[in-house]
PDB file of N, CA and C in Angstrom:
ATOM      1  N   MET A   1      63.463   3.345  97.384  1.00  0.00           N
ATOM      2  CA  MET A   1      62.038   3.479  97.910  1.00  0.00           C
ATOM      3  C   MET A   1      61.563   2.253  98.669  1.00  0.00           C
ATOM      4  N   THR A   2      60.958   2.643  99.870  1.00  0.00           N
ATOM      5  CA  THR A   2      60.887   1.760 100.772  1.00  0.00           C
ATOM      6  C   THR A   2      59.415   1.022 100.399  1.00  0.00           C
ATOM      7  N   PHE A   3      59.223   0.116 101.129  1.00  0.00           N
ATOM      8  CA  PHE A   3      57.929  -1.077 101.052  1.00  0.00           C
ATOM      9  C   PHE A   3      56.669   0.042 101.070  1.00  0.00           C
ATOM     10  N   ALA A   4      56.585   0.808 102.105  1.00  0.00           N
ATOM     11  CA  ALA A   4      55.736   1.659 102.518  1.00  0.00           C
ATOM     12  C   ALA A   4      55.403   2.761 101.629  1.00  0.00           C
ATOM     13  N   GLN A   5      56.275   3.354 101.035  1.00  0.00           N
ATOM     14  CA  GLN A   5      56.482   4.353  99.928  1.00  0.00           C
ATOM     15  C   GLN A   5      55.849   3.666  98.698  1.00  0.00           C
ATOM     16  N   THR A   6      56.203   2.451  98.395  1.00  0.00           N
ATOM     17  CA  THR A   6      55.774   1.819  96.979  1.00  0.00           C
ATOM     18  C   THR A   6      54.180   1.473  97.233  1.00  0.00           C
ATOM     19  N   ALA A   7      53.936   0.935  98.381  1.00  0.00           N
ATOM     20  CA  ALA A   7      52.487   0.804  98.899  1.00  0.00           C
ATOM     21  C   ALA A   7      51.761   1.859  98.691  1.00  0.00           C
ATOM     22  N   SER A   8      52.274   2.909  99.282  1.00  0.00           N
ATOM     23  CA  SER A   8      51.298   4.258  99.274  1.00  0.00           C
ATOM     24  C   SER A   8      51.035   4.808  97.971  1.00  0.00           C
ATOM     25  N   LEU A   9      52.212   4.681  97.117  1.00  0.00           N
ATOM     26  CA  LEU A   9      52.146   5.211  95.742  1.00  0.00           C
ATOM     27  C   LEU A   9      51.135   4.299  94.984  1.00  0.00           C
ATOM     28  N   SER A  10      51.246   3.036  95.160  1.00  0.00           N
ATOM     29  CA  SER A  10      50.377   2.105  94.355  1.00  0.00           C
ATOM     30  C   SER A  10      48.851   2.264  94.797  1.00  0.00           C
ATOM     31  N   LEU A  11      48.552   2.697  96.078  1.00  0.00           N
ATOM     32  CA  LEU A  11      47.413   2.816  96.465  1.00  0.00           C
ATOM     33  C   LEU A  11      46.686   4.130  95.853  1.00  0.00           C
ATOM     34  N   SER A  12      47.604   5.176  96.019  1.00  0.00           N
ATOM     35  CA  SER A  12      47.237   6.552  95.075  1.00  0.00           C
ATOM     36  C   SER A  12      46.957   6.489  93.893  1.00  0.00           C
ATOM     37  N   LEU A  13      47.682   5.781  92.992  1.00  0.00           N
ATOM     38  CA  LEU A  13      47.636   5.379  91.677  1.00  0.00           C
ATOM     39  C   LEU A  13      46.286   4.567  91.241  1.00  0.00           C
ATOM     40  N   MET A  14      46.000   3.519  92.011  1.00  0.00           N
ATOM     41  CA  MET A  14      44.625   2.970  91.974  1.00  0.00           C
ATOM     42  C   MET A  14      43.610   3.685  92.241  1.00  0.00           C
ATOM     43  N   ALA A  15      43.515   4.780  93.314  1.00  0.00           N
ATOM     44  CA  ALA A  15      42.439   5.525  93.552  1.00  0.00           C
ATOM     45  C   ALA A  15      42.306   6.604  92.402  1.00  0.00           C
ATOM     46  N   ALA A  16      43.336   7.057  91.745  1.00  0.00           N
ATOM     47  CA  ALA A  16      43.249   7.976  90.628  1.00  0.00           C
ATOM     48  C   ALA A  16      42.682   7.242  89.521  1.00  0.00           C
ATOM     49  N   MET A  17      43.083   6.179  89.234  1.00  0.00           N
ATOM     50  CA  MET A  17      42.531   5.350  88.159  1.00  0.00           C
ATOM     51  C   MET A  17      40.890   5.329  88.345  1.00  0.00           C
ATOM     52  N   GLY A  18      40.524   4.848  89.650  1.00  0.00           N
ATOM     53  CA  GLY A  18      39.226   4.542  89.878  1.00  0.00           C
ATOM     54  C   GLY A  18      38.360   6.022  89.625  1.00  0.00           C
ATOM     55  N   LEU A  19      39.087   7.116  89.946  1.00  0.00           N
ATOM     56  CA  LEU A  19      38.275   8.351  89.702  1.00  0.00           C
ATOM     57  C   LEU A  19      38.039   8.533  88.360  1.00  0.00           C
ATOM     58  N   VAL A  20      39.102   8.368  87.417  1.00  0.00           N
ATOM     59  CA  VAL A  20      39.112   8.672  86.085  1.00  0.00           C
ATOM     60  C   VAL A  20      38.001   7.558  85.537  1.00  0.00           C
ATOM     61  N   ALA A  21      37.925   6.351  85.955  1.00  0.00           N
ATOM     62  CA  ALA A  21      37.010   5.275  85.341  1.00  0.00           C
ATOM     63  C   ALA A  21      35.562   5.935  85.669  1.00  0.00           C
ATOM     64  N   THR A  22      35.430   6.390  86.887  1.00  0.00           N
ATOM     65  CA  THR A  22      34.057   6.811  87.326  1.00  0.00           C
ATOM     66  C   THR A  22      33.484   8.120  86.410  1.00  0.00           C
ATOM     67  N   SER A  23      34.542   9.005  86.264  1.00  0.00           N
ATOM     68  CA  SER A  23      34.418  10.242  85.345  1.00  0.00           C
ATOM     69  C   SER A  23      34.094   9.902  83.997  1.00  0.00           C
ATOM     70  N   VAL A  24      34.586   8.786  83.358  1.00  0.00           N
ATOM     71  CA  VAL A  24      34.204   8.559  81.988  1.00  0.00           C
ATOM     72  C   VAL A  24      32.788   7.850  81.782  1.00  0.00           C
ATOM     73  N   ALA A  25      32.026   7.510  82.897  1.00  0.00           N
ATOM     74  CA  ALA A  25      30.722   6.738  82.734  1.00  0.00           C
ATOM     75  C   ALA A  25      30.009   7.830  82.190  1.00  0.00           C
ATOM     76  N   GLN A  26      28.823   7.114  81.432  1.00  0.00           N
ATOM     77  CA  GLN A  26      27.819   7.940  80.627  1.00  0.00           C
ATOM     78  C   GLN A  26      27.174   9.009  81.701  1.00  0.00           C
ATOM     79  N   THR A  27      27.015  10.172  81.139  1.00  0.00           N
ATOM     80  CA  THR A  27      26.239  11.406  81.922  1.00  0.00           C
ATOM     81  C   THR A  27      24.802  11.196  81.543  1.00  0.00           C
ATOM     82  N   PRO A  28      24.047  11.634  82.519  1.00  0.00           N
ATOM     83  CA  PRO A  28      22.626  11.634  82.306  1.00  0.00           C
ATOM     84  C   PRO A  28      22.251  12.791  81.531  1.00  0.00           C
ATOM     85  N   PRO A  29      20.992  12.858  80.804  1.00  0.00           N
ATOM     86  CA  PRO A  29      20.841  14.016  80.064  1.00  0.00           C
ATOM     87  C   PRO A  29      20.698  15.611  80.856  1.00  0.00           C
ATOM     88  N   THR A  30      20.836  16.426  80.124  1.00  0.00           N
ATOM     89  CA  THR A  30      20.990  17.779  80.828  1.00  0.00           C
ATOM     90  C   THR A  30      19.450  17.866  81.001  1.00  0.00           C
ATOM     91  N   SER A  31      19.099  18.781  82.037  1.00  0.00           N
ATOM     92  CA  SER A  31      17.854  19.440  82.540  1.00  0.00           C
ATOM     93  C   SER A  31      17.120  19.990  81.246  1.00  0.00           C
ATOM     94  N   ASP A  32      18.089  20.575  80.325  1.00  0.00           N
ATOM     95  CA  ASP A  32      17.275  20.992  79.172  1.00  0.00           C
ATOM     96  C   ASP A  32      16.829  19.716  78.273  1.00  0.00           C
ATOM     97  N   GLN A  33      17.370  18.761  78.079  1.00  0.00           N
ATOM     98  CA  GLN A  33      17.110  17.751  77.310  1.00  0.00           C
ATOM     99  C   GLN A  33      16.042  17.021  77.984  1.00  0.00           C
ATOM    100  N   ALA A  34      15.772  16.859  79.093  1.00  0.00           N
ATOM    101  CA  ALA A  34      14.787  16.263  80.079  1.00  0.00           C
ATOM    102  C   ALA A  34      13.601  17.182  79.787  1.00  0.00           C
ATOM    103  N   ARG A  35      13.741  18.470  79.929  1.00  0.00           N
ATOM    104  CA  ARG A  35      12.607  19.156  79.859  1.00  0.00           C
ATOM    105  C   ARG A  35      11.943  19.205  78.450  1.00  0.00           C
ATOM    106  N   GLU A  36      12.759  19.225  77.350  1.00  0.00           N
ATOM    107  CA  GLU A  36      12.432  19.067  75.794  1.00  0.00           C
ATOM    108  C   GLU A  36      11.638  17.823  75.741  1.00  0.00           C
ATOM    109  N   GLU A  37      12.087  16.562  76.157  1.00  0.00           N
ATOM    110  CA  GLU A  37      11.429  15.504  76.175  1.00  0.00           C
ATOM    111  C   GLU A  37      10.027  15.437  76.863  1.00  0.00           C
ATOM    112  N   MET A  38       9.893  16.133  78.045  1.00  0.00           N
ATOM    113  CA  MET A  38       8.690  16.086  78.700  1.00  0.00           C
ATOM    114  C   MET A  38       7.669  16.883  78.152  1.00  0.00           C
ATOM    115  N   SER A  39       8.138  17.977  77.428  1.00  0.00           N
ATOM    116  CA  SER A  39       7.241  19.038  76.806  1.00  0.00           C
ATOM    117  C   SER A  39       6.900  18.427  75.324  1.00  0.00           C
ATOM    118  N   GLN A  40       7.688  17.361  74.501  1.00  0.00           N
ATOM    119  CA  GLN A  40       7.229  16.796  73.714  1.00  0.00           C
ATOM    120  C   GLN A  40       5.947  15.785  74.048  1.00  0.00           C
ATOM    121  N   GLN A  41       6.117  15.230  75.122  1.00  0.00           N
ATOM    122  CA  GLN A  41       5.167  14.078  75.593  1.00  0.00           C
ATOM    123  C   GLN A  41       3.889  14.956  76.014  1.00  0.00           C
ATOM    124  N   LYS A  42       4.149  16.109  76.596  1.00  0.00           N
ATOM    125  CA  LYS A  42       2.860  16.933  77.040  1.00  0.00           C
ATOM    126  C   LYS A  42       1.963  17.302  75.943  1.00  0.00           C
ATOM    127  N   THR A  43       2.604  17.805  74.635  1.00  0.00           N
ATOM    128  CA  THR A  43       2.169  18.226  73.508  1.00  0.00           C
ATOM    129  C   THR A  43       1.519  17.077  72.618  1.00  0.00           C
ATOM    130  N   ASP A  44       2.045  15.918  72.653  1.00  0.00           N
ATOM    131  CA  ASP A  44       1.405  14.878  71.879  1.00  0.00           C
ATOM    132  C   ASP A  44       1.095  13.812  72.807  1.00  0.00           C
ATOM    133  N   PRO A  45      -0.254  13.634  73.257  1.00  0.00           N
ATOM    134  CA  PRO A  45      -0.743  12.628  74.252  1.00  0.00           C
ATOM    135  C   PRO A  45      -0.583  11.348  73.537  1.00  0.00           C
ATOM    136  N   LEU A  46      -0.645  11.060  72.451  1.00  0.00           N
ATOM    137  CA  LEU A  46      -0.495   9.912  71.685  1.00  0.00           C
ATOM    138  C   LEU A  46       1.059   9.282  71.737  1.00  0.00           C
ATOM    139  N   ALA A  47       1.940  10.216  72.254  1.00  0.00           N
ATOM    140  CA  ALA A  47       3.314   9.860  72.317  1.00  0.00           C
ATOM    141  C   ALA A  47       3.402   8.973  73.782  1.00  0.00           C
ATOM    142  N   THR A  48       2.599   8.735  74.567  1.00  0.00           N
ATOM    143  CA  THR A  48       2.683   8.022  75.591  1.00  0.00           C
ATOM    144  C   THR A  48       1.608   7.417  75.996  1.00  0.00           C
ATOM    145  N   GLN A  49       1.625   6.308  75.219  1.00  0.00           N
ATOM    146  CA  GLN A  49       0.524   5.256  75.326  1.00  0.00           C
ATOM    147  C   GLN A  49       0.988   4.080  76.280  1.00  0.00           C
ATOM    148  N   SER A  50      -0.210   3.387  76.715  1.00  0.00           N
ATOM    149  CA  SER A  50       0.351   2.418  77.739  1.00  0.00           C
ATOM    150  C   SER A  50       0.605   1.059  77.004  1.00  0.00           C
ATOM    151  N   SER A  51       1.286   0.169  78.043  1.00  0.00           N
ATOM    152  CA  SER A  51       1.761  -1.226  77.385  1.00  0.00           C
ATOM    153  C   SER A  51       0.790  -2.247  76.979  1.00  0.00           C
ATOM    154  N   ALA A  52      -0.376  -1.868  77.586  1.00  0.00           N
ATOM    155  CA  ALA A  52      -1.519  -2.820  77.145  1.00  0.00           C
ATOM    156  C   ALA A  52      -2.218  -2.523  75.821  1.00  0.00           C
ATOM    157  N   GLY A  53      -3.085  -3.351  75.348  1.00  0.00           N
ATOM    158  CA  GLY A  53      -3.580  -3.142  74.024  1.00  0.00           C
ATOM    159  C   GLY A  53      -4.684  -1.966  74.346  1.00  0.00           C
ATOM    160  N   GLU A  54      -4.698  -1.109  73.368  1.00  0.00           N
ATOM    161  CA  GLU A  54      -5.454   0.166  73.716  1.00  0.00           C
ATOM    162  C   GLU A  54      -6.889   0.041  72.758  1.00  0.00           C
ATOM    163  N   ASP A  55      -7.884   0.972  73.140  1.00  0.00           N
ATOM    164  CA  ASP A  55      -8.807   1.226  72.397  1.00  0.00           C
ATOM    165  C   ASP A  55      -8.211   1.882  70.945  1.00  0.00           C
ATOM    166  N   TRP A  56      -8.948   1.365  69.887  1.00  0.00           N
ATOM    167  CA  TRP A  56      -8.380   1.842  68.424  1.00  0.00           C
ATOM    168  C   TRP A  56      -8.307   3.400  68.287  1.00  0.00           C
ATOM    169  N   THR A  57      -9.240   3.942  68.930  1.00  0.00           N
ATOM    170  CA  THR A  57      -9.234   5.513  68.817  1.00  0.00           C
ATOM    171  C   THR A  57      -8.060   6.129  69.618  1.00  0.00           C
ATOM    172  N   MET A  58      -7.399   5.319  70.448  1.00  0.00           N
ATOM    173  CA  MET A  58      -6.324   6.043  71.204  1.00  0.00           C
ATOM    174  C   MET A  58      -4.942   5.645  70.507  1.00  0.00           C
ATOM    175  N   LEU A  59      -4.996   5.001  69.679  1.00  0.00           N
ATOM    176  CA  LEU A  59      -3.683   4.695  68.704  1.00  0.00           C
ATOM    177  C   LEU A  59      -3.327   5.903  67.882  1.00  0.00           C
ATOM    178  N   LYS A  60      -1.986   6.053  67.983  1.00  0.00           N
ATOM    179  CA  LYS A  60      -1.522   7.027  67.051  1.00  0.00           C
ATOM    180  C   LYS A  60      -1.720   6.672  65.499  1.00  0.00           C
ATOM    181  N   GLY A  61      -2.088   7.273  64.752  1.00  0.00           N
ATOM    182  CA  GLY A  61      -2.426   7.074  63.404  1.00  0.00           C
ATOM    183  C   GLY A  61      -3.547   6.580  63.018  1.00  0.00           C
ATOM    184  N   HIS A  62      -4.458   6.140  64.000  1.00  0.00           N
ATOM    185  CA  HIS A  62      -5.653   5.630  63.710  1.00  0.00           C
ATOM    186  C   HIS A  62      -6.612   6.244  62.707  1.00  0.00           C
ATOM    187  N   GLU A  63      -6.575   7.693  62.710  1.00  0.00           N
ATOM    188  CA  GLU A  63      -7.288   8.653  61.989  1.00  0.00           C
ATOM    189  C   GLU A  63      -7.126   8.165  60.505  1.00  0.00           C
ATOM    190  N   LYS A  64      -6.071   7.431  59.985  1.00  0.00           N
ATOM    191  CA  LYS A  64      -5.767   7.132  58.697  1.00  0.00           C
ATOM    192  C   LYS A  64      -6.520   5.855  58.357  1.00  0.00           C
ATOM    193  N   GLY A  65      -7.054   5.049  59.375  1.00  0.00           N
ATOM    194  CA  GLY A  65      -7.661   3.860  59.242  1.00  0.00           C
ATOM    195  C   GLY A  65      -6.911   2.800  59.169  1.00  0.00           C
ATOM    196  N   TYR A  66      -5.628   2.993  59.502  1.00  0.00           N
ATOM    197  CA  TYR A  66      -4.625   1.831  59.659  1.00  0.00           C
ATOM    198  C   TYR A  66      -3.410   2.685  60.616  1.00  0.00           C
ATOM    199  N   VAL A  67      -2.813   1.723  61.148  1.00  0.00           N
ATOM    200  CA  VAL A  67      -1.393   2.196  61.909  1.00  0.00           C
ATOM    201  C   VAL A  67      -0.165   1.524  61.440  1.00  0.00           C
ATOM    202  N   THR A  68       0.764   2.280  61.242  1.00  0.00           N
ATOM    203  CA  THR A  68       1.996   1.679  60.811  1.00  0.00           C
ATOM    204  C   THR A  68       2.974   1.103  61.912  1.00  0.00           C
ATOM    205  N   LYS A  69       3.856   0.574  61.770  1.00  0.00           N
ATOM    206  CA  LYS A  69       5.107   0.012  62.728  1.00  0.00           C
ATOM    207  C   LYS A  69       5.413   1.382  63.495  1.00  0.00           C
ATOM    208  N   GLN A  70       5.709   2.268  62.827  1.00  0.00           N
ATOM    209  CA  GLN A  70       5.999   3.677  63.350  1.00  0.00           C
ATOM    210  C   GLN A  70       5.110   4.183  64.464  1.00  0.00           C
ATOM    211  N   ASP A  71       3.653   3.988  64.036  1.00  0.00           N
ATOM    212  CA  ASP A  71       2.852   4.666  64.831  1.00  0.00           C
ATOM    213  C   ASP A  71       2.659   3.712  66.107  1.00  0.00           C
ATOM    214  N   ALA A  72       2.908   2.403  65.972  1.00  0.00           N
ATOM    215  CA  ALA A  72       2.746   1.432  67.061  1.00  0.00           C
ATOM    216  C   ALA A  72       3.802   1.525  68.174  1.00  0.00           C
ATOM    217  N   LEU A  73       4.919   2.208  67.806  1.00  0.00           N
ATOM    218  CA  LEU A  73       6.081   2.298  68.629  1.00  0.00           C
ATOM    219  C   LEU A  73       5.698   2.657  70.097  1.00  0.00           C
ATOM    220  N   PRO A  74       4.764   3.731  70.243  1.00  0.00           N
ATOM    221  CA  PRO A  74       4.609   4.301  71.717  1.00  0.00           C
ATOM    222  C   PRO A  74       3.562   3.489  72.516  1.00  0.00           C
ATOM    223  N   ASN A  75       3.165   2.119  71.888  1.00  0.00           N
ATOM    224  CA  ASN A  75       2.409   1.268  72.383  1.00  0.00           C
ATOM    225  C   ASN A  75       3.213  -0.096  72.558  1.00  0.00           C
ATOM    226  N   SER A  76       3.827  -0.460  73.604  1.00  0.00           N
ATOM    227  CA  SER A  76       4.640  -1.708  73.689  1.00  0.00           C
ATOM    228  C   SER A  76       3.755  -2.889  73.233  1.00  0.00           C
ATOM    229  N   TRP A  77       2.592  -3.024  73.624  1.00  0.00           N
ATOM    230  CA  TRP A  77       1.787  -4.076  73.238  1.00  0.00           C
ATOM    231  C   TRP A  77       1.719  -4.221  71.628  1.00  0.00           C
ATOM    232  N   LEU A  78       1.340  -3.220  71.134  1.00  0.00           N
ATOM    233  CA  LEU A  78       1.170  -3.111  69.493  1.00  0.00           C
ATOM    234  C   LEU A  78       2.643  -3.461  68.987  1.00  0.00           C
ATOM    235  N   ALA A  79       3.503  -2.629  69.447  1.00  0.00           N
ATOM    236  CA  ALA A  79       4.777  -2.975  68.735  1.00  0.00           C
ATOM    237  C   ALA A  79       5.340  -4.209  68.818  1.00  0.00           C
ATOM    238  N   LEU A  80       5.180  -4.933  69.898  1.00  0.00           N
ATOM    239  CA  LEU A  80       5.485  -6.219  70.165  1.00  0.00           C
ATOM    240  C   LEU A  80       4.607  -7.320  69.209  1.00  0.00           C
ATOM    241  N   ASN A  81       3.325  -6.999  69.269  1.00  0.00           N
ATOM    242  CA  ASN A  81       2.333  -7.873  68.458  1.00  0.00           C
ATOM    243  C   ASN A  81       2.305  -7.401  67.052  1.00  0.00           C
ATOM    244  N   PHE A  82       2.853  -6.396  66.389  1.00  0.00           N
ATOM    245  CA  PHE A  82       2.631  -5.864  65.254  1.00  0.00           C
ATOM    246  C   PHE A  82       2.578  -6.929  64.057  1.00  0.00           C
ATOM    247  N   MET A  83       3.567  -7.530  63.954  1.00  0.00           N
ATOM    248  CA  MET A  83       3.497  -8.640  62.792  1.00  0.00           C
ATOM    249  C   MET A  83       2.666  -9.785  62.969  1.00  0.00           C
ATOM    250  N   ALA A  84       2.260  -9.979  64.170  1.00  0.00           N
ATOM    251  CA  ALA A  84       0.992 -10.896  64.225  1.00  0.00           C
ATOM    252  C   ALA A  84      -0.307 -10.523  64.050  1.00  0.00           C
ATOM    253  N   CYS A  85      -0.487  -8.977  64.245  1.00  0.00           N
ATOM    254  CA  CYS A  85      -1.999  -8.270  63.916  1.00  0.00           C
ATOM    255  C   CYS A  85      -1.783  -8.009  62.440  1.00  0.00           C
ATOM    256  N   ASP A  86      -0.745  -7.862  61.748  1.00  0.00           N
ATOM    257  CA  ASP A  86      -0.888  -7.531  60.435  1.00  0.00           C
ATOM    258  C   ASP A  86      -0.939  -8.662  59.457  1.00  0.00           C
ATOM    259  N   GLU A  87      -2.390  -9.303  59.428  1.00  0.00           N
ATOM    260  CA  GLU A  87      -2.375 -10.392  58.679  1.00  0.00           C
ATOM    261  C   GLU A  87      -2.233 -10.435  57.382  1.00  0.00           C
ATOM    262  N   ASP A  88      -2.478  -9.392  56.469  1.00  0.00           N
ATOM    263  CA  ASP A  88      -2.172  -9.412  55.232  1.00  0.00           C
ATOM    264  C   ASP A  88      -0.749  -8.761  54.681  1.00  0.00           C
ATOM    265  N   ARG A  89       0.034  -8.650  55.838  1.00  0.00           N
ATOM    266  CA  ARG A  89       1.476  -8.362  55.440  1.00  0.00           C
ATOM    267  C   ARG A  89       1.681  -7.215  54.716  1.00  0.00           C
ATOM    268  N   ASN A  90       0.949  -6.208  55.029  1.00  0.00           N
ATOM    269  CA  ASN A  90       1.173  -5.074  54.103  1.00  0.00           C
ATOM    270  C   ASN A  90       1.676  -3.973  54.906  1.00  0.00           C
ATOM    271  N   ASP A  91       2.309  -3.933  56.061  1.00  0.00           N
ATOM    272  CA  ASP A  91       3.016  -3.366  56.876  1.00  0.00           C
ATOM    273  C   ASP A  91       1.905  -2.149  57.427  1.00  0.00           C
ATOM    274  N   GLN A  92       0.758  -2.482  57.738  1.00  0.00           N
ATOM    275  CA  GLN A  92      -0.197  -1.744  58.256  1.00  0.00           C
ATOM    276  C   GLN A  92      -1.322  -2.501  58.847  1.00  0.00           C
ATOM    277  N   VAL A  93      -1.730  -2.129  60.124  1.00  0.00           N
ATOM    278  CA  VAL A  93      -2.663  -2.825  60.778  1.00  0.00           C
ATOM    279  C   VAL A  93      -3.967  -2.055  60.838  1.00  0.00           C
ATOM    280  N   SER A  94      -5.020  -2.733  60.246  1.00  0.00           N
ATOM    281  CA  SER A  94      -6.359  -2.024  60.213  1.00  0.00           C
ATOM    282  C   SER A  94      -6.893  -2.038  61.317  1.00  0.00           C
ATOM    283  N   GLU A  95      -8.097  -1.435  61.603  1.00  0.00           N
ATOM    284  CA  GLU A  95      -8.935  -1.521  62.828  1.00  0.00           C
ATOM    285  C   GLU A  95      -9.420  -2.912  62.911  1.00  0.00           C
ATOM    286  N   ALA A  96     -10.040  -3.471  61.958  1.00  0.00           N
ATOM    287  CA  ALA A  96     -10.499  -4.829  62.037  1.00  0.00           C
ATOM    288  C   ALA A  96      -9.320  -5.874  62.350  1.00  0.00           C
ATOM    289  N   GLU A  97      -8.054  -5.857  61.766  1.00  0.00           N
ATOM    290  CA  GLU A  97      -6.882  -6.656  62.289  1.00  0.00           C
ATOM    291  C   GLU A  97      -6.602  -6.536  63.699  1.00  0.00           C
ATOM    292  N   TYR A  98      -6.635  -5.306  64.083  1.00  0.00           N
ATOM    293  CA  TYR A  98      -6.386  -4.845  65.466  1.00  0.00           C
ATOM    294  C   TYR A  98      -7.435  -5.382  66.436  1.00  0.00           C
ATOM    295  N   THR A  99      -8.499  -5.363  66.191  1.00  0.00           N
ATOM    296  CA  THR A  99      -9.566  -5.726  66.959  1.00  0.00           C
ATOM    297  C   THR A  99      -9.466  -7.427  67.134  1.00  0.00           C
ATOM    298  N   LYS A 100      -9.248  -7.913  65.933  1.00  0.00           N
ATOM    299  CA  LYS A 100      -8.983  -9.515  65.899  1.00  0.00           C
ATOM    300  C   LYS A 100      -7.859  -9.982  66.647  1.00  0.00           C
ATOM    301  N   CYS A 101      -6.729  -9.211  66.624  1.00  0.00           N
ATOM    302  CA  CYS A 101      -5.598  -9.463  67.263  1.00  0.00           C
ATOM    303  C   CYS A 101      -5.556  -9.327  68.654  1.00  0.00           C
ATOM    304  N   GLN A 102      -6.396  -8.503  69.130  1.00  0.00           N
ATOM    305  CA  GLN A 102      -6.617  -8.051  70.539  1.00  0.00           C
ATOM    306  C   GLN A 102      -7.102  -9.208  70.933  1.00  0.00           C
ATOM    307  N   LYS A 103      -8.260  -9.820  70.738  1.00  0.00           N
ATOM    308  CA  LYS A 103      -8.994 -10.738  71.399  1.00  0.00           C
ATOM    309  C   LYS A 103      -8.330 -11.947  71.100  1.00  0.00           C
ATOM    310  N   ALA A 104      -7.547 -12.376  70.176  1.00  0.00           N
ATOM    311  CA  ALA A 104      -6.582 -13.439  70.108  1.00  0.00           C
ATOM    312  C   ALA A 104      -5.488 -13.406  71.100  1.00  0.00           C
ATOM    313  N   HIS A 105      -4.996 -12.322  71.439  1.00  0.00           N
ATOM    314  CA  HIS A 105      -3.951 -12.366  72.502  1.00  0.00           C
ATOM    315  C   HIS A 105      -4.298 -11.996  73.783  1.00  0.00           C
ATOM    316  N   GLN A 106      -5.471 -11.925  74.277  1.00  0.00           N
ATOM    317  CA  GLN A 106      -6.023 -11.703  75.622  1.00  0.00           C
ATOM    318  C   GLN A 106      -5.779 -12.759  76.622  1.00  0.00           C
TER     319      GLN A 106
END
């Protein structure tokens, strides 16, 4: 085998390996998955909360008189500050705790 043939074979192998590597990359969600996620967000307005502190009545779970860590997840501010806001460490943030925490972290 000549040098040119060896070089050509090496380049072909490297190109093939590159194609295999890119085809193994994570695939984006299918349109059905994306549509399902969008549908869930449209039906649950509390699933898409902002990253700022919200008015108490806009928080998911507020109607119980408290929010849990799970309830707080859609709101990145509350999710991040949940432990600081939960003064009595009962894994629930009451409206009073939330209001006090918002004022302290502004």
